[in-house]
């Protein structure tokens, strides 16, 4: 489990209001605790299942380390020059949750939507996996898909733009 996945999990737990979450995957055990006061006191522990502690770091230190590391964007960087003025007439479909974005229901199936497809309210646009739950993201608008803003199998944040839809 990498640092980005851990940070996404911390944000998810903080928004859920849970005071403590324990997660065990493979040979890694993670415990996240949130404080009840105004200060964020989340502690992350990565421990091999054998029991020896590998890492314990307050969230503030994690944020500092991430800021020092080179930033990578989950969204493709193409078409950034001319996207400003043209995008104002489009509706942006945003992620309702933190998780991993998938364009297909499974690896051997076709994508839910492609650029140029006409969609209507209730059509499934993608799946976002959050904590082993696969959530179908349905369209709240009708129109034509103009742009897919996130690469398949990429982590997404809450309220991150996923698609641009032309409602006309």
Protein backbone atom coordinates (compact mmCIF):
# COMPACT_ATOMS: atom_id res chain seq x y z
CA UNK A 1 0.00 0.00 0.00
CA UNK A 2 1.57 3.29 -1.06
CA UNK A 3 1.47 6.71 0.61
CA UNK A 4 -1.26 8.07 -1.70
CA UNK A 5 -3.60 5.18 -0.89
CA UNK A 6 -2.98 5.68 2.83
CA UNK A 7 -3.70 9.41 2.56
CA UNK A 8 -6.93 8.72 0.65
CA UNK A 9 -7.93 6.26 3.37
CA UNK A 10 -7.18 8.85 6.08
CA UNK A 11 -9.36 11.43 4.31
CA UNK A 12 -12.15 8.90 3.88
CA UNK A 13 -12.04 7.93 7.58
CA UNK A 14 -11.95 11.59 8.67
CA UNK A 15 -15.04 12.40 6.60
CA UNK A 16 -16.89 9.32 7.83
CA UNK A 17 -16.68 10.44 11.46
CA UNK A 18 -15.23 7.13 12.68
CA UNK A 19 -12.86 7.41 15.61
CA UNK A 20 -10.73 4.38 14.74
CA UNK A 21 -10.32 2.08 11.73
CA UNK A 22 -8.14 -1.00 11.46
CA UNK A 23 -7.31 -2.47 8.06
CA UNK A 24 -5.35 -5.63 7.29
CA UNK A 25 -4.31 -6.43 3.73
CA UNK A 26 -1.78 -9.12 2.94
CA UNK A 27 1.26 -8.50 5.11
CA UNK A 28 0.36 -4.93 6.14
CA UNK A 29 -1.79 -3.85 9.07
CA UNK A 30 -2.92 -0.21 9.30
CA UNK A 31 -4.62 1.51 12.22
CA UNK A 32 -6.05 5.02 11.80
CA UNK A 33 -7.26 6.96 14.83
CA UNK A 34 -8.87 10.39 14.72
CA UNK A 35 -8.97 12.71 17.73
CA UNK A 36 -12.14 14.21 19.15
CA UNK A 37 -10.71 17.72 19.52
CA UNK A 38 -10.26 20.35 16.78
CA UNK A 39 -6.66 19.34 16.01
CA UNK A 40 -6.12 16.49 13.61
CA UNK A 41 -4.39 13.73 15.57
CA UNK A 42 -4.59 10.93 13.06
CA UNK A 43 -1.88 8.32 13.47
CA UNK A 44 -1.03 5.77 10.83
CA UNK A 45 0.79 2.58 11.70
CA UNK A 46 1.99 0.14 9.10
CA UNK A 47 2.90 -3.10 10.79
CA UNK A 48 3.84 -6.39 9.16
CA UNK A 49 1.45 -9.11 10.28
CA UNK A 50 4.43 -10.66 12.08
CA UNK A 51 4.14 -7.79 14.60
CA UNK A 52 7.21 -5.54 14.22
CA UNK A 53 6.31 -1.86 13.66
CA UNK A 54 7.54 -0.37 10.39
CA UNK A 55 6.11 3.14 10.34
CA UNK A 56 4.22 5.47 12.63
CA UNK A 57 3.79 9.02 11.42
CA UNK A 58 1.43 11.88 12.28
CA UNK A 59 -0.57 13.15 9.31
CA UNK A 60 1.16 16.54 9.41
CA UNK A 61 4.53 14.89 8.72
CA UNK A 62 2.99 12.85 5.89
CA UNK A 63 1.67 16.02 4.30
CA UNK A 64 5.10 17.66 4.55
CA UNK A 65 6.79 14.65 2.97
CA UNK A 66 4.26 14.54 0.17
CA UNK A 67 4.73 18.26 -0.52
CA UNK A 68 8.47 17.68 -0.90
CA UNK A 69 7.97 14.75 -3.29
CA UNK A 70 7.31 15.41 -6.99
CA UNK A 71 3.60 15.74 -7.64
CA UNK A 72 1.87 13.49 -10.17
CA UNK A 73 -1.59 14.24 -11.49
CA UNK A 74 -4.20 11.50 -11.98
CA UNK A 75 -5.72 13.44 -14.87
CA UNK A 76 -4.19 13.38 -18.34
CA UNK A 77 -2.34 16.56 -19.23
CA UNK A 78 -3.38 16.77 -22.86
CA UNK A 79 -5.48 19.65 -24.20
CA UNK A 80 -4.65 21.97 -21.30
CA UNK A 81 -3.95 24.94 -23.60
CA UNK A 82 -7.39 25.38 -25.16
CA UNK A 83 -9.62 23.86 -22.46
CA UNK A 84 -10.29 27.10 -20.53
CA UNK A 85 -12.85 28.98 -22.65
CA UNK A 86 -14.50 26.01 -24.36
CA UNK A 87 -15.19 24.05 -21.13
CA UNK A 88 -17.50 26.73 -19.70
CA UNK A 89 -20.47 25.51 -21.76
CA UNK A 90 -20.02 21.91 -20.56
CA UNK A 91 -21.29 20.24 -17.41
CA UNK A 92 -18.62 18.63 -15.25
CA UNK A 93 -19.44 15.24 -13.73
CA UNK A 94 -17.51 15.00 -10.44
CA UNK A 95 -16.58 12.12 -8.19
CA UNK A 96 -18.97 11.71 -5.25
CA UNK A 97 -16.41 9.66 -3.27
CA UNK A 98 -12.71 8.95 -2.83
CA UNK A 99 -11.53 5.77 -4.50
CA UNK A 100 -10.14 4.18 -7.66
CA UNK A 101 -11.73 5.15 -10.98
CA UNK A 102 -12.57 2.40 -13.49
CA UNK A 103 -14.06 2.95 -16.95
CA UNK A 104 -15.07 -0.74 -17.38
CA UNK A 105 -17.18 -3.11 -15.28
CA UNK A 106 -14.36 -5.67 -15.55
CA UNK A 107 -11.08 -5.91 -17.50
CA UNK A 108 -12.60 -8.04 -20.27
CA UNK A 109 -15.69 -5.82 -20.81
CA UNK A 110 -16.00 -2.65 -22.93
CA UNK A 111 -15.95 0.80 -21.34
CA UNK A 112 -19.21 2.24 -20.01
CA UNK A 113 -18.92 5.43 -22.11
CA UNK A 114 -16.58 6.80 -24.76
CA UNK A 115 -15.98 10.35 -25.93
CA UNK A 116 -18.80 11.20 -28.34
CA UNK A 117 -21.37 8.86 -26.73
CA UNK A 118 -24.81 10.28 -25.98
CA UNK A 119 -25.89 9.67 -22.40
CA UNK A 120 -29.08 10.23 -20.42
CA UNK A 121 -29.84 10.57 -16.72
CA UNK A 122 -29.25 7.31 -14.88
CA UNK A 123 -26.71 5.88 -17.35
CA UNK A 124 -23.66 4.35 -15.65
CA UNK A 125 -20.54 6.36 -16.53
CA UNK A 126 -17.89 4.54 -14.50
CA UNK A 127 -17.18 2.63 -11.30
CA UNK A 128 -15.32 3.97 -8.29
CA UNK A 129 -13.92 1.38 -5.92
CA UNK A 130 -13.74 2.47 -2.30
CA UNK A 131 -12.64 -0.01 0.38
CA UNK A 132 -13.42 -3.07 -1.77
CA UNK A 133 -16.90 -1.75 -2.66
CA UNK A 134 -17.58 -1.04 -6.33
CA UNK A 135 -19.88 1.98 -6.69
CA UNK A 136 -21.54 2.62 -10.05
CA UNK A 137 -21.50 6.34 -10.83
CA UNK A 138 -24.62 7.31 -12.74
CA UNK A 139 -25.10 10.40 -14.85
CA UNK A 140 -27.24 13.16 -13.40
CA UNK A 141 -27.41 14.93 -16.78
CA UNK A 142 -28.25 14.10 -20.38
CA UNK A 143 -25.97 15.03 -23.24
CA UNK A 144 -22.86 14.03 -25.14
CA UNK A 145 -19.58 12.99 -23.47
CA UNK A 146 -16.96 15.50 -24.60
CA UNK A 147 -13.95 14.49 -22.52
CA UNK A 148 -12.83 11.86 -20.01
CA UNK A 149 -10.67 13.69 -17.48
CA UNK A 150 -9.22 10.73 -15.54
CA UNK A 151 -7.16 7.72 -16.65
CA UNK A 152 -8.54 4.24 -16.02
CA UNK A 153 -7.46 2.67 -12.69
CA UNK A 154 -6.40 6.04 -11.24
CA UNK A 155 -7.11 7.22 -7.71
CA UNK A 156 -9.69 10.03 -7.51
CA UNK A 157 -10.57 12.50 -4.78
CA UNK A 158 -13.97 13.64 -3.59
CA UNK A 159 -15.40 16.26 -6.00
CA UNK A 160 -12.66 15.65 -8.61
CA UNK A 161 -13.88 16.25 -12.19
CA UNK A 162 -14.30 12.96 -14.10
CA UNK A 163 -16.14 13.80 -17.34
CA UNK A 164 -17.19 16.83 -19.38
CA UNK A 165 -20.70 16.55 -20.86
CA UNK A 166 -22.24 18.82 -23.51
CA UNK A 167 -25.90 19.19 -22.49
CA UNK A 168 -27.03 20.55 -25.87
